[in-house]
Each structure stands twice: as structure tokens, then as C-alpha cells.
Amino acid sequence: TLNPISAAITLAVAGFVATPVLAEDADTNSDIESITVTA
């Protein structure tokens, strides 16, 4: 449903997410406040 460029970006992001470099501890203190929404 998307053009080839968008599809390629999607697959690249999916592969990037799977890499071990992102395996930070979920409890790590964050410098960014998470907003709670009611969408």
C-alpha cells in the first residue's frame, strides 16, 4: 500500500529496532517527560 521508498524505510526501522544496541534497561531514568493522554 505504500510506495517503495516508504516501504524500505519501514523495513529499515523495523530492523533497527531489533538490534541489540537499543536494549536499554526499561527502568533507566529518563530526561524526557512522558505525556499521559486519553485519546
PDB file of all heavy atoms in Angstrom:
ATOM      1  N   THR A   1       0.791  -1.217   0.000  1.00  0.00           N
ATOM      2  CA  THR A   1       0.000   0.000   0.000  1.00  0.00           C
ATOM      3  C   THR A   1       0.827   1.272   0.000  1.00  0.00           C
ATOM      4  O   THR A   1       0.313   2.336  -0.274  1.00  0.00           O
ATOM      5  CB  THR A   1      -0.926   0.028   1.230  1.00  0.00           C
ATOM      6  OG1 THR A   1      -0.138  -0.219   2.395  1.00  0.00           O
ATOM      7  CG2 THR A   1      -2.005  -1.019   1.108  1.00  0.00           C
ATOM      8  N   LEU A   2       2.104   1.196   0.341  1.00  0.00           N
ATOM      9  CA  LEU A   2       2.962   2.368   0.304  1.00  0.00           C
ATOM     10  C   LEU A   2       3.931   2.269  -0.860  1.00  0.00           C
ATOM     11  O   LEU A   2       4.177   1.194  -1.402  1.00  0.00           O
ATOM     12  CB  LEU A   2       3.750   2.503   1.613  1.00  0.00           C
ATOM     13  CG  LEU A   2       2.938   2.882   2.862  1.00  0.00           C
ATOM     14  CD1 LEU A   2       3.866   2.972   4.057  1.00  0.00           C
ATOM     15  CD2 LEU A   2       2.227   4.196   2.662  1.00  0.00           C
ATOM     16  N   ASN A   3       4.495   3.416  -1.244  1.00  0.00           N
ATOM     17  CA  ASN A   3       5.447   3.383  -2.337  1.00  0.00           C
ATOM     18  C   ASN A   3       6.743   2.716  -1.878  1.00  0.00           C
ATOM     19  O   ASN A   3       6.985   2.535  -0.685  1.00  0.00           O
ATOM     20  CB  ASN A   3       5.696   4.806  -2.873  1.00  0.00           C
ATOM     21  CG  ASN A   3       6.252   5.736  -1.815  1.00  0.00           C
ATOM     22  OD1 ASN A   3       7.115   5.344  -1.040  1.00  0.00           O
ATOM     23  ND2 ASN A   3       5.759   6.963  -1.795  1.00  0.00           N
ATOM     24  N   PRO A   4       7.614   2.321  -2.787  1.00  0.00           N
ATOM     25  CA  PRO A   4       8.809   1.563  -2.407  1.00  0.00           C
ATOM     26  C   PRO A   4       9.710   2.284  -1.428  1.00  0.00           C
ATOM     27  O   PRO A   4      10.320   1.653  -0.562  1.00  0.00           O
ATOM     28  CB  PRO A   4       9.509   1.351  -3.761  1.00  0.00           C
ATOM     29  CG  PRO A   4       8.411   1.413  -4.773  1.00  0.00           C
ATOM     30  CD  PRO A   4       7.451   2.420  -4.248  1.00  0.00           C
ATOM     31  N   ILE A   5       9.813   3.607  -1.532  1.00  0.00           N
ATOM     32  CA  ILE A   5      10.689   4.330  -0.601  1.00  0.00           C
ATOM     33  C   ILE A   5      10.164   4.200   0.818  1.00  0.00           C
ATOM     34  O   ILE A   5      10.914   3.902   1.753  1.00  0.00           O
ATOM     35  CB  ILE A   5      10.794   5.810  -1.016  1.00  0.00           C
ATOM     36  CG1 ILE A   5      11.495   5.924  -2.382  1.00  0.00           C
ATOM     37  CG2 ILE A   5      11.526   6.619   0.035  1.00  0.00           C
ATOM     38  CD1 ILE A   5      11.554   7.331  -2.907  1.00  0.00           C
ATOM     39  N   SER A   6       8.853   4.410   0.996  1.00  0.00           N
ATOM     40  CA  SER A   6       8.278   4.307   2.336  1.00  0.00           C
ATOM     41  C   SER A   6       8.407   2.894   2.869  1.00  0.00           C
ATOM     42  O   SER A   6       8.688   2.677   4.052  1.00  0.00           O
ATOM     43  CB  SER A   6       6.802   4.717   2.315  1.00  0.00           C
ATOM     44  OG  SER A   6       6.684   6.063   1.957  1.00  0.00           O
ATOM     45  N   ALA A   7       8.170   1.905   2.005  1.00  0.00           N
ATOM     46  CA  ALA A   7       8.288   0.515   2.455  1.00  0.00           C
ATOM     47  C   ALA A   7       9.714   0.203   2.897  1.00  0.00           C
ATOM     48  O   ALA A   7       9.940  -0.473   3.903  1.00  0.00           O
ATOM     49  CB  ALA A   7       7.866  -0.428   1.327  1.00  0.00           C
ATOM     50  N   ALA A   8      10.690   0.732   2.150  1.00  0.00           N
ATOM     51  CA  ALA A   8      12.084   0.486   2.518  1.00  0.00           C
ATOM     52  C   ALA A   8      12.420   1.123   3.861  1.00  0.00           C
ATOM     53  O   ALA A   8      13.109   0.540   4.698  1.00  0.00           O
ATOM     54  CB  ALA A   8      13.011   1.036   1.424  1.00  0.00           C
ATOM     55  N   ILE A   9      11.894   2.338   4.083  1.00  0.00           N
ATOM     56  CA  ILE A   9      12.138   2.988   5.365  1.00  0.00           C
ATOM     57  C   ILE A   9      11.515   2.188   6.493  1.00  0.00           C
ATOM     58  O   ILE A   9      12.096   2.023   7.566  1.00  0.00           O
ATOM     59  CB  ILE A   9      11.581   4.426   5.346  1.00  0.00           C
ATOM     60  CG1 ILE A   9      12.342   5.269   4.323  1.00  0.00           C
ATOM     61  CG2 ILE A   9      11.671   5.068   6.718  1.00  0.00           C
ATOM     62  CD1 ILE A   9      11.768   6.652   4.129  1.00  0.00           C
ATOM     63  N   THR A  10      10.311   1.665   6.241  1.00  0.00           N
ATOM     64  CA  THR A  10       9.634   0.870   7.261  1.00  0.00           C
ATOM     65  C   THR A  10      10.467  -0.343   7.646  1.00  0.00           C
ATOM     66  O   THR A  10      10.665  -0.647   8.828  1.00  0.00           O
ATOM     67  CB  THR A  10       8.270   0.396   6.738  1.00  0.00           C
ATOM     68  OG1 THR A  10       7.534   1.528   6.300  1.00  0.00           O
ATOM     69  CG2 THR A  10       7.488  -0.322   7.819  1.00  0.00           C
ATOM     70  N   LEU A  11      10.958  -1.080   6.647  1.00  0.00           N
ATOM     71  CA  LEU A  11      11.754  -2.269   6.927  1.00  0.00           C
ATOM     72  C   LEU A  11      13.051  -1.906   7.635  1.00  0.00           C
ATOM     73  O   LEU A  11      13.514  -2.620   8.534  1.00  0.00           O
ATOM     74  CB  LEU A  11      12.048  -3.009   5.617  1.00  0.00           C
ATOM     75  CG  LEU A  11      10.820  -3.626   4.930  1.00  0.00           C
ATOM     76  CD1 LEU A  11      11.211  -4.154   3.557  1.00  0.00           C
ATOM     77  CD2 LEU A  11      10.241  -4.746   5.777  1.00  0.00           C
ATOM     78  N   ALA A  12      13.623  -0.756   7.254  1.00  0.00           N
ATOM     79  CA  ALA A  12      14.864  -0.333   7.905  1.00  0.00           C
ATOM     80  C   ALA A  12      14.634  -0.022   9.371  1.00  0.00           C
ATOM     81  O   ALA A  12      15.422  -0.396  10.241  1.00  0.00           O
ATOM     82  CB  ALA A  12      15.436   0.904   7.191  1.00  0.00           C
ATOM     83  N   VAL A  13      13.520   0.687   9.656  1.00  0.00           N
ATOM     84  CA  VAL A  13      13.212   0.996  11.047  1.00  0.00           C
ATOM     85  C   VAL A  13      12.948  -0.270  11.831  1.00  0.00           C
ATOM     86  O   VAL A  13      13.392  -0.442  12.957  1.00  0.00           O
ATOM     87  CB  VAL A  13      12.014   1.961  11.125  1.00  0.00           C
ATOM     88  CG1 VAL A  13      11.562   2.139  12.565  1.00  0.00           C
ATOM     89  CG2 VAL A  13      12.375   3.303  10.532  1.00  0.00           C
ATOM     90  N   ALA A  14      12.200  -1.212  11.209  1.00  0.00           N
ATOM     91  CA  ALA A  14      11.916  -2.476  11.894  1.00  0.00           C
ATOM     92  C   ALA A  14      13.213  -3.215  12.216  1.00  0.00           C
ATOM     93  O   ALA A  14      13.387  -3.768  13.307  1.00  0.00           O
ATOM     94  CB  ALA A  14      11.014  -3.347  11.030  1.00  0.00           C
ATOM     95  N   GLY A  15      14.158  -3.235  11.286  1.00  0.00           N
ATOM     96  CA  GLY A  15      15.426  -3.885  11.540  1.00  0.00           C
ATOM     97  C   GLY A  15      16.235  -3.158  12.593  1.00  0.00           C
ATOM     98  O   GLY A  15      16.889  -3.770  13.441  1.00  0.00           O
ATOM     99  N   PHE A  16      16.163  -1.821  12.570  1.00  0.00           N
ATOM    100  CA  PHE A  16      16.901  -1.028  13.548  1.00  0.00           C
ATOM    101  C   PHE A  16      16.408  -1.309  14.957  1.00  0.00           C
ATOM    102  O   PHE A  16      17.186  -1.423  15.897  1.00  0.00           O
ATOM    103  CB  PHE A  16      16.729   0.454  13.200  1.00  0.00           C
ATOM    104  CG  PHE A  16      17.470   1.390  14.102  1.00  0.00           C
ATOM    105  CD1 PHE A  16      18.838   1.269  14.276  1.00  0.00           C
ATOM    106  CD2 PHE A  16      16.801   2.403  14.762  1.00  0.00           C
ATOM    107  CE1 PHE A  16      19.523   2.145  15.087  1.00  0.00           C
ATOM    108  CE2 PHE A  16      17.481   3.270  15.579  1.00  0.00           C
ATOM    109  CZ  PHE A  16      18.840   3.149  15.737  1.00  0.00           C
ATOM    110  N   VAL A  17      15.078  -1.420  15.104  1.00  0.00           N
ATOM    111  CA  VAL A  17      14.507  -1.674  16.417  1.00  0.00           C
ATOM    112  C   VAL A  17      14.978  -3.008  16.973  1.00  0.00           C
ATOM    113  O   VAL A  17      15.138  -3.188  18.175  1.00  0.00           O
ATOM    114  CB  VAL A  17      12.966  -1.638  16.332  1.00  0.00           C
ATOM    115  CG1 VAL A  17      12.344  -2.137  17.623  1.00  0.00           C
ATOM    116  CG2 VAL A  17      12.489  -0.236  16.028  1.00  0.00           C
ATOM    117  N   ALA A  18      15.224  -3.979  16.089  1.00  0.00           N
ATOM    118  CA  ALA A  18      15.588  -5.319  16.543  1.00  0.00           C
ATOM    119  C   ALA A  18      17.046  -5.443  16.963  1.00  0.00           C
ATOM    120  O   ALA A  18      17.443  -6.453  17.517  1.00  0.00           O
ATOM    121  CB  ALA A  18      15.297  -6.330  15.433  1.00  0.00           C
ATOM    122  N   THR A  19      17.849  -4.412  16.701  1.00  0.00           N
ATOM    123  CA  THR A  19      19.274  -4.534  17.001  1.00  0.00           C
ATOM    124  C   THR A  19      19.533  -4.418  18.482  1.00  0.00           C
ATOM    125  O   THR A  19      18.856  -3.695  19.203  1.00  0.00           O
ATOM    126  CB  THR A  19      20.063  -3.432  16.256  1.00  0.00           C
ATOM    127  OG1 THR A  19      19.558  -2.169  16.677  1.00  0.00           O
ATOM    128  CG2 THR A  19      19.935  -3.574  14.766  1.00  0.00           C
ATOM    129  N   PRO A  20      20.554  -5.120  18.992  1.00  0.00           N
ATOM    130  CA  PRO A  20      20.838  -5.123  20.433  1.00  0.00           C
ATOM    131  C   PRO A  20      21.209  -3.762  20.984  1.00  0.00           C
ATOM    132  O   PRO A  20      21.085  -3.537  22.178  1.00  0.00           O
ATOM    133  CB  PRO A  20      22.005  -6.103  20.561  1.00  0.00           C
ATOM    134  CG  PRO A  20      21.993  -6.910  19.304  1.00  0.00           C
ATOM    135  CD  PRO A  20      21.432  -6.027  18.250  1.00  0.00           C
ATOM    136  N   VAL A  21      21.661  -2.834  20.137  1.00  0.00           N
ATOM    137  CA  VAL A  21      22.117  -1.558  20.649  1.00  0.00           C
ATOM    138  C   VAL A  21      21.013  -0.811  21.377  1.00  0.00           C
ATOM    139  O   VAL A  21      21.269   0.045  22.211  1.00  0.00           O
ATOM    140  CB  VAL A  21      22.686  -0.685  19.503  1.00  0.00           C
ATOM    141  CG1 VAL A  21      21.579  -0.189  18.602  1.00  0.00           C
ATOM    142  CG2 VAL A  21      23.484   0.494  20.065  1.00  0.00           C
ATOM    143  N   LEU A  22      19.735  -1.146  21.095  1.00  0.00           N
ATOM    144  CA  LEU A  22      18.629  -0.460  21.735  1.00  0.00           C
ATOM    145  C   LEU A  22      18.175  -1.147  23.005  1.00  0.00           C
ATOM    146  O   LEU A  22      17.209  -0.718  23.620  1.00  0.00           O
ATOM    147  CB  LEU A  22      17.434  -0.371  20.771  1.00  0.00           C
ATOM    148  CG  LEU A  22      17.652   0.511  19.557  1.00  0.00           C
ATOM    149  CD1 LEU A  22      16.428   0.498  18.691  1.00  0.00           C
ATOM    150  CD2 LEU A  22      17.983   1.920  19.996  1.00  0.00           C
ATOM    151  N   ALA A  23      18.825  -2.190  23.395  1.00  0.00           N
ATOM    152  CA  ALA A  23      18.356  -2.951  24.550  1.00  0.00           C
ATOM    153  C   ALA A  23      18.733  -2.261  25.848  1.00  0.00           C
ATOM    154  O   ALA A  23      19.465  -2.776  26.675  1.00  0.00           O
ATOM    155  CB  ALA A  23      18.936  -4.360  24.514  1.00  0.00           C
ATOM    156  N   GLU A  24      18.235  -1.008  26.020  1.00  0.00           N
ATOM    157  CA  GLU A  24      18.478  -0.270  27.251  1.00  0.00           C
ATOM    158  C   GLU A  24      17.588  -0.835  28.356  1.00  0.00           C
ATOM    159  O   GLU A  24      16.526  -1.384  28.116  1.00  0.00           O
ATOM    160  CB  GLU A  24      18.136   1.221  27.034  1.00  0.00           C
ATOM    161  CG  GLU A  24      18.909   1.872  25.895  1.00  0.00           C
ATOM    162  CD  GLU A  24      20.300   2.270  26.323  1.00  0.00           C
ATOM    163  OE1 GLU A  24      20.594   2.164  27.526  1.00  0.00           O
ATOM    164  OE2 GLU A  24      21.085   2.683  25.465  1.00  0.00           O
ATOM    165  N   ASP A  25      18.003  -0.653  29.565  1.00  0.00           N
ATOM    166  CA  ASP A  25      17.193  -1.064  30.708  1.00  0.00           C
ATOM    167  C   ASP A  25      15.918  -0.240  30.732  1.00  0.00           C
ATOM    168  O   ASP A  25      15.942   0.978  30.675  1.00  0.00           O
ATOM    169  CB  ASP A  25      17.988  -0.826  31.990  1.00  0.00           C
ATOM    170  CG  ASP A  25      17.266  -1.349  33.230  1.00  0.00           C
ATOM    171  OD1 ASP A  25      16.077  -1.673  33.121  1.00  0.00           O
ATOM    172  OD2 ASP A  25      17.913  -1.422  34.291  1.00  0.00           O
ATOM    173  N   ALA A  26      14.766  -0.908  30.785  1.00  0.00           N
ATOM    174  CA  ALA A  26      13.483  -0.216  30.760  1.00  0.00           C
ATOM    175  C   ALA A  26      13.315   0.708  31.947  1.00  0.00           C
ATOM    176  O   ALA A  26      12.514   1.638  31.925  1.00  0.00           O
ATOM    177  CB  ALA A  26      12.333  -1.224  30.718  1.00  0.00           C
ATOM    178  N   ASP A  27      14.067   0.475  33.027  1.00  0.00           N
ATOM    179  CA  ASP A  27      13.929   1.295  34.219  1.00  0.00           C
ATOM    180  C   ASP A  27      14.898   2.471  34.242  1.00  0.00           C
ATOM    181  O   ASP A  27      14.983   3.199  35.226  1.00  0.00           O
ATOM    182  CB  ASP A  27      14.139   0.442  35.479  1.00  0.00           C
ATOM    183  CG  ASP A  27      13.065  -0.620  35.621  1.00  0.00           C
ATOM    184  OD1 ASP A  27      11.928  -0.371  35.206  1.00  0.00           O
ATOM    185  OD2 ASP A  27      13.388  -1.695  36.154  1.00  0.00           O
ATOM    186  N   THR A  28      15.680   2.635  33.176  1.00  0.00           N
ATOM    187  CA  THR A  28      16.640   3.734  33.133  1.00  0.00           C
ATOM    188  C   THR A  28      15.926   5.065  33.300  1.00  0.00           C
ATOM    189  O   THR A  28      14.881   5.303  32.711  1.00  0.00           O
ATOM    190  CB  THR A  28      17.385   3.723  31.784  1.00  0.00           C
ATOM    191  OG1 THR A  28      18.060   2.480  31.662  1.00  0.00           O
ATOM    192  CG2 THR A  28      18.394   4.854  31.741  1.00  0.00           C
ATOM    193  N   ASN A  29      16.494   5.950  34.104  1.00  0.00           N
ATOM    194  CA  ASN A  29      15.876   7.254  34.303  1.00  0.00           C
ATOM    195  C   ASN A  29      15.830   8.008  32.981  1.00  0.00           C
ATOM    196  O   ASN A  29      16.776   7.994  32.206  1.00  0.00           O
ATOM    197  CB  ASN A  29      16.663   8.063  35.333  1.00  0.00           C
ATOM    198  CG  ASN A  29      16.525   7.479  36.724  1.00  0.00           C
ATOM    199  OD1 ASN A  29      15.491   6.906  37.052  1.00  0.00           O
ATOM    200  ND2 ASN A  29      17.567   7.630  37.531  1.00  0.00           N
ATOM    201  N   SER A  30      14.720   8.681  32.754  1.00  0.00           N
ATOM    202  CA  SER A  30      14.533   9.393  31.503  1.00  0.00           C
ATOM    203  C   SER A  30      14.680  10.884  31.718  1.00  0.00           C
ATOM    204  O   SER A  30      14.268  11.422  32.742  1.00  0.00           O
ATOM    205  CB  SER A  30      13.147   9.087  30.927  1.00  0.00           C
ATOM    206  OG  SER A  30      12.890   9.891  29.812  1.00  0.00           O
ATOM    207  N   ASP A  31      15.284  11.564  30.744  1.00  0.00           N
ATOM    208  CA  ASP A  31      15.375  13.012  30.769  1.00  0.00           C
ATOM    209  C   ASP A  31      14.144  13.651  30.131  1.00  0.00           C
ATOM    210  O   ASP A  31      14.032  14.869  30.094  1.00  0.00           O
ATOM    211  CB  ASP A  31      16.621  13.475  30.004  1.00  0.00           C
ATOM    212  CG  ASP A  31      17.904  12.995  30.676  1.00  0.00           C
ATOM    213  OD1 ASP A  31      17.878  12.826  31.902  1.00  0.00           O
ATOM    214  OD2 ASP A  31      18.900  12.780  29.965  1.00  0.00           O
ATOM    215  N   ILE A  32      13.229  12.844  29.593  1.00  0.00           N
ATOM    216  CA  ILE A  32      12.082  13.334  28.849  1.00  0.00           C
ATOM    217  C   ILE A  32      10.807  12.891  29.553  1.00  0.00           C
ATOM    218  O   ILE A  32      10.623  11.712  29.848  1.00  0.00           O
ATOM    219  CB  ILE A  32      12.100  12.807  27.403  1.00  0.00           C
ATOM    220  CG1 ILE A  32      13.394  13.252  26.708  1.00  0.00           C
ATOM    221  CG2 ILE A  32      10.884  13.292  26.641  1.00  0.00           C
ATOM    222  CD1 ILE A  32      13.623  12.587  25.384  1.00  0.00           C
ATOM    223  N   GLU A  33       9.922  13.827  29.814  1.00  0.00           N
ATOM    224  CA  GLU A  33       8.673  13.511  30.492  1.00  0.00           C
ATOM    225  C   GLU A  33       7.689  12.872  29.521  1.00  0.00           C
ATOM    226  O   GLU A  33       7.484  13.364  28.414  1.00  0.00           O
ATOM    227  CB  GLU A  33       8.057  14.786  31.080  1.00  0.00           C
ATOM    228  CG  GLU A  33       6.744  14.550  31.797  1.00  0.00           C
ATOM    229  CD  GLU A  33       6.132  15.842  32.299  1.00  0.00           C
ATOM    230  OE1 GLU A  33       6.748  16.903  32.079  1.00  0.00           O
ATOM    231  OE2 GLU A  33       5.046  15.787  32.887  1.00  0.00           O
ATOM    232  N   SER A  34       7.097  11.746  29.908  1.00  0.00           N
ATOM    233  CA  SER A  34       6.091  11.077  29.088  1.00  0.00           C
ATOM    234  C   SER A  34       4.724  11.682  29.386  1.00  0.00           C
ATOM    235  O   SER A  34       4.345  11.836  30.544  1.00  0.00           O
ATOM    236  CB  SER A  34       6.065   9.572  29.384  1.00  0.00           C
ATOM    237  OG  SER A  34       7.300   8.985  29.040  1.00  0.00           O
ATOM    238  N   ILE A  35       3.987  12.018  28.340  1.00  0.00           N
ATOM    239  CA  ILE A  35       2.665  12.621  28.494  1.00  0.00           C
ATOM    240  C   ILE A  35       1.618  11.520  28.556  1.00  0.00           C
ATOM    241  O   ILE A  35       1.630  10.582  27.750  1.00  0.00           O
ATOM    242  CB  ILE A  35       2.365  13.580  27.332  1.00  0.00           C
ATOM    243  CG1 ILE A  35       3.372  14.733  27.334  1.00  0.00           C
ATOM    244  CG2 ILE A  35       0.948  14.120  27.416  1.00  0.00           C
ATOM    245  CD1 ILE A  35       3.178  15.707  26.195  1.00  0.00           C
ATOM    246  N   THR A  36       0.717  11.624  29.505  1.00  0.00           N
ATOM    247  CA  THR A  36      -0.423  10.719  29.576  1.00  0.00           C
ATOM    248  C   THR A  36      -1.577  11.328  28.797  1.00  0.00           C
ATOM    249  O   THR A  36      -1.910  12.508  28.973  1.00  0.00           O
ATOM    250  CB  THR A  36      -0.840  10.481  31.037  1.00  0.00           C
ATOM    251  OG1 THR A  36       0.244   9.864  31.728  1.00  0.00           O
ATOM    252  CG2 THR A  36      -2.060   9.577  31.115  1.00  0.00           C
ATOM    253  N   VAL A  37      -2.194  10.529  27.910  1.00  0.00           N
ATOM    254  CA  VAL A  37      -3.260  11.020  27.048  1.00  0.00           C
ATOM    255  C   VAL A  37      -4.506  10.167  27.251  1.00  0.00           C
ATOM    256  O   VAL A  37      -4.461   9.084  27.834  1.00  0.00           O
ATOM    257  CB  VAL A  37      -2.836  10.992  25.568  1.00  0.00           C
ATOM    258  CG1 VAL A  37      -1.668  11.930  25.326  1.00  0.00           C
ATOM    259  CG2 VAL A  37      -2.495   9.580  25.125  1.00  0.00           C
ATOM    260  N   THR A  38      -5.613  10.682  26.738  1.00  0.00           N
ATOM    261  CA  THR A  38      -6.890   9.963  26.822  1.00  0.00           C
ATOM    262  C   THR A  38      -7.486   9.761  25.442  1.00  0.00           C
ATOM    263  O   THR A  38      -8.702   9.728  25.270  1.00  0.00           O
ATOM    264  CB  THR A  38      -7.877  10.727  27.715  1.00  0.00           C
ATOM    265  OG1 THR A  38      -7.994  12.081  27.234  1.00  0.00           O
ATOM    266  CG2 THR A  38      -7.418  10.743  29.149  1.00  0.00           C
ATOM    267  N   ALA A  39      -6.634   9.624  24.438  1.00  0.00           N
ATOM    268  CA  ALA A  39      -7.097   9.514  23.058  1.00  0.00           C
ATOM    269  C   ALA A  39      -8.022   8.318  22.851  1.00  0.00           C
ATOM    270  O   ALA A  39      -8.933   8.361  22.022  1.00  0.00           O
ATOM    271  CB  ALA A  39      -5.898   9.409  22.117  1.00  0.00           C
TER     272      ALA A  39
END
